[in-house]
């Protein structure tokens, strides 16, 4: 079966729905990658690191986007994926922090 594509937004929706449960929240803070894998019933890439911080009433956090190395270029295949007009779903490689609005490919599985 082909890989299933899940957006960051869809992952966040699953997490947000369950954060109202104190046990889930505590486990998610302790081991976020494990909790996401359980929710998706799938494994995330081994080299993918997930960090979770809990905001306080007097604390703001900002996530800086990943900065591509100077001179790095997209391959022709990657350019085809992001060229507008035909399809708004795509897969891309996850290479670290700054994955805002990134779609991630997963192996087939039921979500939720």
PDB file of N, CA and C in Angstrom:
ATOM      1  N   UNK A   1       0.838  -1.184   0.000  1.00  0.00           N
ATOM      2  CA  UNK A   1       0.000   0.000   0.000  1.00  0.00           C
ATOM      3  C   UNK A   1       0.886   1.252   0.000  1.00  0.00           C
ATOM      4  N   UNK A   2       0.441   2.333  -0.653  1.00  0.00           N
ATOM      5  CA  UNK A   2       1.236   3.551  -0.680  1.00  0.00           C
ATOM      6  C   UNK A   2       1.259   4.225   0.691  1.00  0.00           C
ATOM      7  N   UNK A   3       2.263   5.098   0.879  1.00  0.00           N
ATOM      8  CA  UNK A   3       2.374   5.829   2.134  1.00  0.00           C
ATOM      9  C   UNK A   3       1.188   6.765   2.300  1.00  0.00           C
ATOM     10  N   UNK A   4       0.774   6.955   3.531  1.00  0.00           N
ATOM     11  CA  UNK A   4      -0.338   7.842   3.828  1.00  0.00           C
ATOM     12  C   UNK A   4       0.244   9.182   4.252  1.00  0.00           C
ATOM     13  N   UNK A   5      -0.303  10.278   3.747  1.00  0.00           N
ATOM     14  CA  UNK A   5       0.194  11.603   4.073  1.00  0.00           C
ATOM     15  C   UNK A   5      -0.691  12.229   5.136  1.00  0.00           C
ATOM     16  N   UNK A   6      -0.064  12.720   6.188  1.00  0.00           N
ATOM     17  CA  UNK A   6      -0.775  13.351   7.293  1.00  0.00           C
ATOM     18  C   UNK A   6      -0.139  14.717   7.516  1.00  0.00           C
ATOM     19  N   UNK A   7      -0.949  15.748   7.602  1.00  0.00           N
ATOM     20  CA  UNK A   7      -0.407  17.090   7.797  1.00  0.00           C
ATOM     21  C   UNK A   7      -0.121  17.348   9.274  1.00  0.00           C
ATOM     22  N   UNK A   8       0.732  18.302   9.508  1.00  0.00           N
ATOM     23  CA  UNK A   8       1.029  18.720  10.871  1.00  0.00           C
ATOM     24  C   UNK A   8      -0.259  19.160  11.566  1.00  0.00           C
ATOM     25  N   UNK A   9      -1.115  19.848  10.840  1.00  0.00           N
ATOM     26  CA  UNK A   9      -2.385  20.311  11.395  1.00  0.00           C
ATOM     27  C   UNK A   9      -3.248  19.139  11.864  1.00  0.00           C
ATOM     28  N   UNK A  10      -3.284  18.072  11.088  1.00  0.00           N
ATOM     29  CA  UNK A  10      -4.072  16.891  11.469  1.00  0.00           C
ATOM     30  C   UNK A  10      -3.500  16.243  12.731  1.00  0.00           C
ATOM     31  N   UNK A  11      -2.180  16.188  12.838  1.00  0.00           N
ATOM     32  CA  UNK A  11      -1.541  15.645  14.044  1.00  0.00           C
ATOM     33  C   UNK A  11      -1.887  16.527  15.243  1.00  0.00           C
ATOM     34  N   UNK A  12      -1.786  17.845  15.061  1.00  0.00           N
ATOM     35  CA  UNK A  12      -2.101  18.773  16.146  1.00  0.00           C
ATOM     36  C   UNK A  12      -3.554  18.643  16.587  1.00  0.00           C
ATOM     37  N   UNK A  13      -4.478  18.413  15.650  1.00  0.00           N
ATOM     38  CA  UNK A  13      -5.888  18.238  16.002  1.00  0.00           C
ATOM     39  C   UNK A  13      -6.083  17.024  16.905  1.00  0.00           C
ATOM     40  N   UNK A  14      -5.427  15.925  16.592  1.00  0.00           N
ATOM     41  CA  UNK A  14      -5.529  14.707  17.413  1.00  0.00           C
ATOM     42  C   UNK A  14      -5.005  14.986  18.816  1.00  0.00           C
ATOM     43  N   UNK A  15      -3.883  15.645  18.899  1.00  0.00           N
ATOM     44  CA  UNK A  15      -3.277  15.950  20.207  1.00  0.00           C
ATOM     45  C   UNK A  15      -4.171  16.893  20.998  1.00  0.00           C
ATOM     46  N   UNK A  16      -4.629  17.958  20.366  1.00  0.00           N
ATOM     47  CA  UNK A  16      -5.447  18.964  21.047  1.00  0.00           C
ATOM     48  C   UNK A  16      -6.721  18.366  21.625  1.00  0.00           C
ATOM     49  N   UNK A  17      -7.363  17.480  20.880  1.00  0.00           N
ATOM     50  CA  UNK A  17      -8.588  16.840  21.372  1.00  0.00           C
ATOM     51  C   UNK A  17      -8.355  16.055  22.656  1.00  0.00           C
ATOM     52  N   UNK A  18      -7.140  15.539  22.840  1.00  0.00           N
ATOM     53  CA  UNK A  18      -6.860  14.682  23.991  1.00  0.00           C
ATOM     54  C   UNK A  18      -6.174  15.394  25.148  1.00  0.00           C
ATOM     55  N   UNK A  19      -5.727  16.622  24.956  1.00  0.00           N
ATOM     56  CA  UNK A  19      -5.030  17.330  26.027  1.00  0.00           C
ATOM     57  C   UNK A  19      -5.929  17.663  27.214  1.00  0.00           C
ATOM     58  N   UNK A  20      -7.229  17.576  27.043  1.00  0.00           N
ATOM     59  CA  UNK A  20      -8.142  17.848  28.161  1.00  0.00           C
ATOM     60  C   UNK A  20      -8.078  16.760  29.226  1.00  0.00           C
ATOM     61  N   UNK A  21      -7.502  15.606  28.881  1.00  0.00           N
ATOM     62  CA  UNK A  21      -7.360  14.507  29.840  1.00  0.00           C
ATOM     63  C   UNK A  21      -5.996  14.621  30.540  1.00  0.00           C
ATOM     64  N   UNK A  22      -5.995  14.808  31.876  1.00  0.00           N
ATOM     65  CA  UNK A  22      -4.735  15.021  32.601  1.00  0.00           C
ATOM     66  C   UNK A  22      -3.699  13.911  32.389  1.00  0.00           C
ATOM     67  N   UNK A  23      -4.141  12.663  32.313  1.00  0.00           N
ATOM     68  CA  UNK A  23      -3.194  11.557  32.123  1.00  0.00           C
ATOM     69  C   UNK A  23      -2.505  11.655  30.756  1.00  0.00           C
ATOM     70  N   UNK A  24      -3.293  11.982  29.744  1.00  0.00           N
ATOM     71  CA  UNK A  24      -2.746  12.125  28.388  1.00  0.00           C
ATOM     72  C   UNK A  24      -1.744  13.276  28.357  1.00  0.00           C
ATOM     73  N   UNK A  25      -2.128  14.397  28.950  1.00  0.00           N
ATOM     74  CA  UNK A  25      -1.263  15.582  28.967  1.00  0.00           C
ATOM     75  C   UNK A  25       0.077  15.256  29.627  1.00  0.00           C
ATOM     76  N   UNK A  26       0.038  14.570  30.764  1.00  0.00           N
ATOM     77  CA  UNK A  26       1.272  14.220  31.483  1.00  0.00           C
ATOM     78  C   UNK A  26       2.152  13.287  30.648  1.00  0.00           C
ATOM     79  N   UNK A  27       1.542  12.287  30.016  1.00  0.00           N
ATOM     80  CA  UNK A  27       2.310  11.366  29.182  1.00  0.00           C
ATOM     81  C   UNK A  27       2.855  12.055  27.935  1.00  0.00           C
ATOM     82  N   UNK A  28       2.068  12.978  27.369  1.00  0.00           N
ATOM     83  CA  UNK A  28       2.520  13.702  26.188  1.00  0.00           C
ATOM     84  C   UNK A  28       3.712  14.593  26.512  1.00  0.00           C
ATOM     85  N   UNK A  29       3.690  15.232  27.672  1.00  0.00           N
ATOM     86  CA  UNK A  29       4.835  16.054  28.079  1.00  0.00           C
ATOM     87  C   UNK A  29       6.075  15.198  28.335  1.00  0.00           C
ATOM     88  N   UNK A  30       5.866  14.002  28.869  1.00  0.00           N
ATOM     89  CA  UNK A  30       6.981  13.116  29.194  1.00  0.00           C
ATOM     90  C   UNK A  30       7.570  12.452  27.954  1.00  0.00           C
ATOM     91  N   UNK A  31       6.718  11.998  27.035  1.00  0.00           N
ATOM     92  CA  UNK A  31       7.190  11.250  25.872  1.00  0.00           C
ATOM     93  C   UNK A  31       6.322  11.563  24.641  1.00  0.00           C
ATOM     94  N   UNK A  32       6.515  12.750  24.060  1.00  0.00           N
ATOM     95  CA  UNK A  32       5.635  13.170  22.966  1.00  0.00           C
ATOM     96  C   UNK A  32       5.706  12.282  21.723  1.00  0.00           C
ATOM     97  N   UNK A  33       6.875  11.829  21.371  1.00  0.00           N
ATOM     98  CA  UNK A  33       7.007  11.004  20.163  1.00  0.00           C
ATOM     99  C   UNK A  33       6.232   9.694  20.316  1.00  0.00           C
ATOM    100  N   UNK A  34       6.351   9.079  21.466  1.00  0.00           N
ATOM    101  CA  UNK A  34       5.629   7.828  21.732  1.00  0.00           C
ATOM    102  C   UNK A  34       4.126   8.054  21.669  1.00  0.00           C
ATOM    103  N   UNK A  35       3.660   9.156  22.242  1.00  0.00           N
ATOM    104  CA  UNK A  35       2.228   9.433  22.245  1.00  0.00           C
ATOM    105  C   UNK A  35       1.709   9.677  20.826  1.00  0.00           C
ATOM    106  N   UNK A  36       2.458  10.405  20.000  1.00  0.00           N
ATOM    107  CA  UNK A  36       2.033  10.653  18.619  1.00  0.00           C
ATOM    108  C   UNK A  36       2.009   9.338  17.846  1.00  0.00           C
ATOM    109  N   UNK A  37       3.028   8.505  18.038  1.00  0.00           N
ATOM    110  CA  UNK A  37       3.064   7.211  17.350  1.00  0.00           C
ATOM    111  C   UNK A  37       1.858   6.355  17.740  1.00  0.00           C
ATOM    112  N   UNK A  38       1.497   6.379  19.015  1.00  0.00           N
ATOM    113  CA  UNK A  38       0.327   5.611  19.463  1.00  0.00           C
ATOM    114  C   UNK A  38      -0.948   6.161  18.844  1.00  0.00           C
ATOM    115  N   UNK A  39      -1.076   7.494  18.788  1.00  0.00           N
ATOM    116  CA  UNK A  39      -2.267   8.111  18.213  1.00  0.00           C
ATOM    117  C   UNK A  39      -2.395   7.796  16.734  1.00  0.00           C
ATOM    118  N   UNK A  40      -1.273   7.765  16.028  1.00  0.00           N
ATOM    119  CA  UNK A  40      -1.294   7.490  14.592  1.00  0.00           C
ATOM    120  C   UNK A  40      -1.242   5.992  14.302  1.00  0.00           C
ATOM    121  N   UNK A  41      -0.996   5.200  15.343  1.00  0.00           N
ATOM    122  CA  UNK A  41      -0.825   3.756  15.170  1.00  0.00           C
ATOM    123  C   UNK A  41       0.252   3.476  14.125  1.00  0.00           C
ATOM    124  N   UNK A  42       1.374   4.189  14.288  1.00  0.00           N
ATOM    125  CA  UNK A  42       2.445   4.105  13.314  1.00  0.00           C
ATOM    126  C   UNK A  42       3.742   4.619  13.926  1.00  0.00           C
ATOM    127  N   UNK A  43       4.857   4.323  13.278  1.00  0.00           N
ATOM    128  CA  UNK A  43       6.156   4.784  13.743  1.00  0.00           C
ATOM    129  C   UNK A  43       6.581   6.036  12.992  1.00  0.00           C
ATOM    130  N   UNK A  44       7.172   6.962  13.714  1.00  0.00           N
ATOM    131  CA  UNK A  44       7.770   8.138  13.107  1.00  0.00           C
ATOM    132  C   UNK A  44       9.220   7.818  12.770  1.00  0.00           C
ATOM    133  N   UNK A  45       9.841   8.581  11.889  1.00  0.00           N
ATOM    134  CA  UNK A  45      11.251   8.336  11.566  1.00  0.00           C
ATOM    135  C   UNK A  45      12.114   8.351  12.824  1.00  0.00           C
ATOM    136  N   UNK A  46      13.053   7.419  12.903  1.00  0.00           N
ATOM    137  CA  UNK A  46      13.894   7.282  14.097  1.00  0.00           C
ATOM    138  C   UNK A  46      14.683   8.552  14.400  1.00  0.00           C
ATOM    139  N   UNK A  47      15.088   9.270  13.372  1.00  0.00           N
ATOM    140  CA  UNK A  47      15.901  10.465  13.590  1.00  0.00           C
ATOM    141  C   UNK A  47      15.063  11.738  13.802  1.00  0.00           C
ATOM    142  N   UNK A  48      13.741  11.598  13.872  1.00  0.00           N
ATOM    143  CA  UNK A  48      12.867  12.745  14.113  1.00  0.00           C
ATOM    144  C   UNK A  48      12.803  13.029  15.605  1.00  0.00           C
ATOM    145  N   UNK A  49      13.145  14.241  15.987  1.00  0.00           N
ATOM    146  CA  UNK A  49      13.105  14.655  17.385  1.00  0.00           C
ATOM    147  C   UNK A  49      11.887  15.554  17.592  1.00  0.00           C
ATOM    148  N   UNK A  50      11.118  15.291  18.633  1.00  0.00           N
ATOM    149  CA  UNK A  50       9.939  16.095  18.939  1.00  0.00           C
ATOM    150  C   UNK A  50      10.128  16.703  20.321  1.00  0.00           C
ATOM    151  N   UNK A  51       9.983  18.014  20.391  1.00  0.00           N
ATOM    152  CA  UNK A  51      10.118  18.719  21.658  1.00  0.00           C
ATOM    153  C   UNK A  51       8.793  19.375  22.004  1.00  0.00           C
ATOM    154  N   UNK A  52       8.394  19.251  23.254  1.00  0.00           N
ATOM    155  CA  UNK A  52       7.155  19.850  23.737  1.00  0.00           C
ATOM    156  C   UNK A  52       7.488  20.699  24.949  1.00  0.00           C
ATOM    157  N   UNK A  53       6.969  21.911  24.958  1.00  0.00           N
ATOM    158  CA  UNK A  53       7.092  22.780  26.125  1.00  0.00           C
ATOM    159  C   UNK A  53       5.695  23.249  26.495  1.00  0.00           C
ATOM    160  N   UNK A  54       5.467  23.409  27.766  1.00  0.00           N
ATOM    161  CA  UNK A  54       4.172  23.868  28.241  1.00  0.00           C
ATOM    162  C   UNK A  54       4.287  25.338  28.612  1.00  0.00           C
ATOM    163  N   UNK A  55       3.447  26.163  27.987  1.00  0.00           N
ATOM    164  CA  UNK A  55       3.479  27.586  28.267  1.00  0.00           C
ATOM    165  C   UNK A  55       2.943  27.872  29.661  1.00  0.00           C
ATOM    166  N   UNK A  56       3.486  28.896  30.258  1.00  0.00           N
ATOM    167  CA  UNK A  56       2.997  29.379  31.536  1.00  0.00           C
ATOM    168  C   UNK A  56       2.264  30.694  31.330  1.00  0.00           C
ATOM    169  N   UNK A  57       1.649  31.229  32.369  1.00  0.00           N
ATOM    170  CA  UNK A  57       0.879  32.465  32.210  1.00  0.00           C
ATOM    171  C   UNK A  57       1.746  33.679  31.871  1.00  0.00           C
ATOM    172  N   UNK A  58       3.045  33.617  32.156  1.00  0.00           N
ATOM    173  CA  UNK A  58       3.928  34.757  31.897  1.00  0.00           C
ATOM    174  C   UNK A  58       5.103  34.372  31.004  1.00  0.00           C
ATOM    175  N   UNK A  59       4.893  33.382  30.139  1.00  0.00           N
ATOM    176  CA  UNK A  59       5.955  32.908  29.257  1.00  0.00           C
ATOM    177  C   UNK A  59       5.440  32.817  27.830  1.00  0.00           C
ATOM    178  N   UNK A  60       6.226  33.305  26.887  1.00  0.00           N
ATOM    179  CA  UNK A  60       5.927  33.153  25.471  1.00  0.00           C
ATOM    180  C   UNK A  60       7.041  32.351  24.823  1.00  0.00           C
ATOM    181  N   UNK A  61       6.675  31.473  23.901  1.00  0.00           N
ATOM    182  CA  UNK A  61       7.644  30.700  23.151  1.00  0.00           C
ATOM    183  C   UNK A  61       7.483  31.014  21.669  1.00  0.00           C
ATOM    184  N   UNK A  62       8.592  31.135  20.981  1.00  0.00           N
ATOM    185  CA  UNK A  62       8.575  31.354  19.544  1.00  0.00           C
ATOM    186  C   UNK A  62       9.368  30.245  18.882  1.00  0.00           C
ATOM    187  N   UNK A  63       8.819  29.699  17.808  1.00  0.00           N
ATOM    188  CA  UNK A  63       9.505  28.656  17.047  1.00  0.00           C
ATOM    189  C   UNK A  63      10.062  29.307  15.801  1.00  0.00           C
ATOM    190  N   UNK A  64      11.368  29.245  15.662  1.00  0.00           N
ATOM    191  CA  UNK A  64      12.004  29.798  14.479  1.00  0.00           C
ATOM    192  C   UNK A  64      11.987  28.758  13.375  1.00  0.00           C
ATOM    193  N   UNK A  65      11.678  29.157  12.149  1.00  0.00           N
ATOM    194  CA  UNK A  65      11.649  28.189  11.054  1.00  0.00           C
ATOM    195  C   UNK A  65      13.041  27.679  10.718  1.00  0.00           C
ATOM    196  N   UNK A  66      13.063  26.487  10.191  1.00  0.00           N
ATOM    197  CA  UNK A  66      14.312  25.869   9.763  1.00  0.00           C
ATOM    198  C   UNK A  66      14.913  26.700   8.642  1.00  0.00           C
ATOM    199  N   UNK A  67      16.188  26.983   8.737  1.00  0.00           N
ATOM    200  CA  UNK A  67      16.864  27.770   7.708  1.00  0.00           C
ATOM    201  C   UNK A  67      17.658  26.837   6.814  1.00  0.00           C
ATOM    202  N   UNK A  68      17.315  26.817   5.535  1.00  0.00           N
ATOM    203  CA  UNK A  68      18.005  25.974   4.566  1.00  0.00           C
ATOM    204  C   UNK A  68      19.388  26.558   4.315  1.00  0.00           C
ATOM    205  N   UNK A  69      20.374  25.684   4.197  1.00  0.00           N
ATOM    206  CA  UNK A  69      21.747  26.124   3.965  1.00  0.00           C
ATOM    207  C   UNK A  69      21.828  26.960   2.699  1.00  0.00           C
ATOM    208  N   UNK A  70      22.669  27.940   2.726  1.00  0.00           N
ATOM    209  CA  UNK A  70      22.872  28.806   1.574  1.00  0.00           C
ATOM    210  C   UNK A  70      23.284  27.985   0.355  1.00  0.00           C
ATOM    211  N   UNK A  71      22.623  28.229  -0.765  1.00  0.00           N
ATOM    212  CA  UNK A  71      22.967  27.513  -1.993  1.00  0.00           C
ATOM    213  C   UNK A  71      22.209  26.216  -2.184  1.00  0.00           C
ATOM    214  N   UNK A  72      21.457  25.777  -1.176  1.00  0.00           N
ATOM    215  CA  UNK A  72      20.706  24.520  -1.316  1.00  0.00           C
ATOM    216  C   UNK A  72      19.565  24.741  -2.304  1.00  0.00           C
ATOM    217  N   UNK A  73      19.327  23.758  -3.134  1.00  0.00           N
ATOM    218  CA  UNK A  73      18.275  23.864  -4.132  1.00  0.00           C
ATOM    219  C   UNK A  73      17.360  22.657  -4.054  1.00  0.00           C
ATOM    220  N   UNK A  74      16.123  22.855  -4.482  1.00  0.00           N
ATOM    221  CA  UNK A  74      15.178  21.744  -4.570  1.00  0.00           C
ATOM    222  C   UNK A  74      15.476  20.926  -5.815  1.00  0.00           C
ATOM    223  N   UNK A  75      15.278  19.627  -5.702  1.00  0.00           N
ATOM    224  CA  UNK A  75      15.424  18.765  -6.880  1.00  0.00           C
ATOM    225  C   UNK A  75      14.232  19.008  -7.801  1.00  0.00           C
ATOM    226  N   UNK A  76      14.322  18.530  -9.037  1.00  0.00           N
ATOM    227  CA  UNK A  76      13.200  18.670  -9.969  1.00  0.00           C
ATOM    228  C   UNK A  76      11.948  17.996  -9.423  1.00  0.00           C
ATOM    229  N   UNK A  77      12.119  16.828  -8.798  1.00  0.00           N
ATOM    230  CA  UNK A  77      10.973  16.112  -8.222  1.00  0.00           C
ATOM    231  C   UNK A  77      10.323  16.938  -7.110  1.00  0.00           C
ATOM    232  N   UNK A  78      11.143  17.554  -6.245  1.00  0.00           N
ATOM    233  CA  UNK A  78      10.606  18.393  -5.177  1.00  0.00           C
ATOM    234  C   UNK A  78       9.899  19.621  -5.742  1.00  0.00           C
ATOM    235  N   UNK A  79      10.467  20.207  -6.793  1.00  0.00           N
ATOM    236  CA  UNK A  79       9.826  21.356  -7.424  1.00  0.00           C
ATOM    237  C   UNK A  79       8.459  20.988  -7.995  1.00  0.00           C
ATOM    238  N   UNK A  80       8.360  19.804  -8.574  1.00  0.00           N
ATOM    239  CA  UNK A  80       7.071  19.336  -9.103  1.00  0.00           C
ATOM    240  C   UNK A  80       6.043  19.212  -7.985  1.00  0.00           C
ATOM    241  N   UNK A  81       6.502  18.768  -6.814  1.00  0.00           N
ATOM    242  CA  UNK A  81       5.599  18.588  -5.680  1.00  0.00           C
ATOM    243  C   UNK A  81       5.022  19.915  -5.192  1.00  0.00           C
ATOM    244  N   UNK A  82       5.805  20.985  -5.231  1.00  0.00           N
ATOM    245  CA  UNK A  82       5.353  22.263  -4.680  1.00  0.00           C
ATOM    246  C   UNK A  82       4.813  23.210  -5.730  1.00  0.00           C
ATOM    247  N   UNK A  83       4.922  22.864  -7.008  1.00  0.00           N
ATOM    248  CA  UNK A  83       4.367  23.705  -8.062  1.00  0.00           C
ATOM    249  C   UNK A  83       2.846  23.717  -7.930  1.00  0.00           C
ATOM    250  N   UNK A  84       2.243  24.881  -7.942  1.00  0.00           N
ATOM    251  CA  UNK A  84       0.806  25.001  -7.712  1.00  0.00           C
ATOM    252  C   UNK A  84      -0.035  24.533  -8.886  1.00  0.00           C
ATOM    253  N   UNK A  85      -1.296  24.264  -8.571  1.00  0.00           N
ATOM    254  CA  UNK A  85      -2.250  24.011  -9.631  1.00  0.00           C
ATOM    255  C   UNK A  85      -2.889  22.648  -9.657  1.00  0.00           C
ATOM    256  N   UNK A  86      -2.188  21.568  -9.406  1.00  0.00           N
ATOM    257  CA  UNK A  86      -2.774  20.252  -9.608  1.00  0.00           C
ATOM    258  C   UNK A  86      -3.216  19.580  -8.317  1.00  0.00           C
ATOM    259  N   UNK A  87      -2.358  19.564  -7.314  1.00  0.00           N
ATOM    260  CA  UNK A  87      -2.627  18.755  -6.134  1.00  0.00           C
ATOM    261  C   UNK A  87      -2.106  19.486  -4.912  1.00  0.00           C
ATOM    262  N   UNK A  88      -2.908  19.599  -3.868  1.00  0.00           N
ATOM    263  CA  UNK A  88      -2.463  20.327  -2.690  1.00  0.00           C
ATOM    264  C   UNK A  88      -1.960  19.425  -1.576  1.00  0.00           C
ATOM    265  N   UNK A  89      -1.777  18.144  -1.847  1.00  0.00           N
ATOM    266  CA  UNK A  89      -1.172  17.265  -0.857  1.00  0.00           C
ATOM    267  C   UNK A  89       0.167  16.796  -1.379  1.00  0.00           C
ATOM    268  N   UNK A  90       1.117  16.640  -0.499  1.00  0.00           N
ATOM    269  CA  UNK A  90       2.449  16.229  -0.904  1.00  0.00           C
ATOM    270  C   UNK A  90       3.180  15.616   0.272  1.00  0.00           C
ATOM    271  N   UNK A  91       4.312  15.039  -0.005  1.00  0.00           N
ATOM    272  CA  UNK A  91       5.177  14.479   1.029  1.00  0.00           C
ATOM    273  C   UNK A  91       6.505  15.210   0.963  1.00  0.00           C
ATOM    274  N   UNK A  92       7.171  15.307   2.067  1.00  0.00           N
ATOM    275  CA  UNK A  92       8.507  15.877   2.055  1.00  0.00           C
ATOM    276  C   UNK A  92       9.320  15.235   3.161  1.00  0.00           C
ATOM    277  N   UNK A  93      10.611  15.415   3.101  1.00  0.00           N
ATOM    278  CA  UNK A  93      11.490  14.846   4.114  1.00  0.00           C
ATOM    279  C   UNK A  93      11.462  15.734   5.346  1.00  0.00           C
ATOM    280  N   UNK A  94      11.401  15.124   6.510  1.00  0.00           N
ATOM    281  CA  UNK A  94      11.467  15.841   7.769  1.00  0.00           C
ATOM    282  C   UNK A  94      12.917  15.815   8.196  1.00  0.00           C
ATOM    283  N   UNK A  95      13.515  17.008   8.345  1.00  0.00           N
ATOM    284  CA  UNK A  95      14.935  17.049   8.651  1.00  0.00           C
ATOM    285  C   UNK A  95      15.237  17.874   9.884  1.00  0.00           C
ATOM    286  N   UNK A  96      14.344  17.921  10.826  1.00  0.00           N
ATOM    287  CA  UNK A  96      14.658  18.609  12.068  1.00  0.00           C
ATOM    288  C   UNK A  96      13.603  19.620  12.455  1.00  0.00           C
ATOM    289  N   UNK A  97      14.036  20.598  13.216  1.00  0.00           N
ATOM    290  CA  UNK A  97      13.132  21.597  13.768  1.00  0.00           C
ATOM    291  C   UNK A  97      12.576  22.487  12.663  1.00  0.00           C
ATOM    292  N   UNK A  98      11.546  23.223  12.996  1.00  0.00           N
ATOM    293  CA  UNK A  98      10.966  24.171  12.057  1.00  0.00           C
ATOM    294  C   UNK A  98      10.065  23.515  11.041  1.00  0.00           C
ATOM    295  N   UNK A  99       9.236  22.561  11.469  1.00  0.00           N
ATOM    296  CA  UNK A  99       8.407  21.807  10.539  1.00  0.00           C
ATOM    297  C   UNK A  99       7.014  22.425  10.414  1.00  0.00           C
ATOM    298  N   UNK A 100       6.857  23.697  10.708  1.00  0.00           N
ATOM    299  CA  UNK A 100       5.540  24.309  10.685  1.00  0.00           C
ATOM    300  C   UNK A 100       4.880  24.140   9.326  1.00  0.00           C
ATOM    301  N   UNK A 101       3.654  23.668   9.338  1.00  0.00           N
ATOM    302  CA  UNK A 101       2.847  23.445   8.141  1.00  0.00           C
ATOM    303  C   UNK A 101       3.480  22.463   7.167  1.00  0.00           C
ATOM    304  N   UNK A 102       4.296  21.572   7.664  1.00  0.00           N
ATOM    305  CA  UNK A 102       4.930  20.558   6.829  1.00  0.00           C
ATOM    306  C   UNK A 102       4.046  19.323   6.801  1.00  0.00           C
ATOM    307  N   UNK A 103       3.889  18.733   5.647  1.00  0.00           N
ATOM    308  CA  UNK A 103       3.176  17.464   5.559  1.00  0.00           C
ATOM    309  C   UNK A 103       4.199  16.347   5.670  1.00  0.00           C
ATOM    310  N   UNK A 104       3.860  15.316   6.409  1.00  0.00           N
ATOM    311  CA  UNK A 104       4.776  14.224   6.684  1.00  0.00           C
ATOM    312  C   UNK A 104       4.178  12.939   6.139  1.00  0.00           C
ATOM    313  N   UNK A 105       4.962  12.151   5.437  1.00  0.00           N
ATOM    314  CA  UNK A 105       4.462  10.873   4.907  1.00  0.00           C
ATOM    315  C   UNK A 105       4.614   9.800   5.962  1.00  0.00           C
ATOM    316  N   UNK A 106       3.568   9.004   6.136  1.00  0.00           N
ATOM    317  CA  UNK A 106       3.597   7.897   7.047  1.00  0.00           C
ATOM    318  C   UNK A 106       3.217   6.636   6.299  1.00  0.00           C
ATOM    319  N   UNK A 107       3.587   5.505   6.832  1.00  0.00           N
ATOM    320  CA  UNK A 107       3.148   4.257   6.267  1.00  0.00           C
ATOM    321  C   UNK A 107       1.646   4.116   6.484  1.00  0.00           C
ATOM    322  N   UNK A 108       0.960   3.316   5.686  1.00  0.00           N
ATOM    323  CA  UNK A 108      -0.500   3.203   5.819  1.00  0.00           C
ATOM    324  C   UNK A 108      -0.919   2.771   7.224  1.00  0.00           C
ATOM    325  N   UNK A 109      -1.917   3.444   7.719  1.00  0.00           N
ATOM    326  CA  UNK A 109      -2.514   3.042   8.989  1.00  0.00           C
ATOM    327  C   UNK A 109      -3.756   3.895   9.210  1.00  0.00           C
ATOM    328  N   UNK A 110      -4.580   3.455  10.088  1.00  0.00           N
ATOM    329  CA  UNK A 110      -5.753   4.233  10.446  1.00  0.00           C
ATOM    330  C   UNK A 110      -5.306   5.310  11.412  1.00  0.00           C
ATOM    331  N   UNK A 111      -5.825   6.491  11.242  1.00  0.00           N
ATOM    332  CA  UNK A 111      -5.470   7.599  12.122  1.00  0.00           C
ATOM    333  C   UNK A 111      -6.581   7.762  13.135  1.00  0.00           C
ATOM    334  N   UNK A 112      -6.193   7.847  14.367  1.00  0.00           N
ATOM    335  CA  UNK A 112      -7.073   8.045  15.526  1.00  0.00           C
ATOM    336  C   UNK A 112      -7.660   6.767  15.951  1.00  0.00           C
TER     337      UNK A 112
END
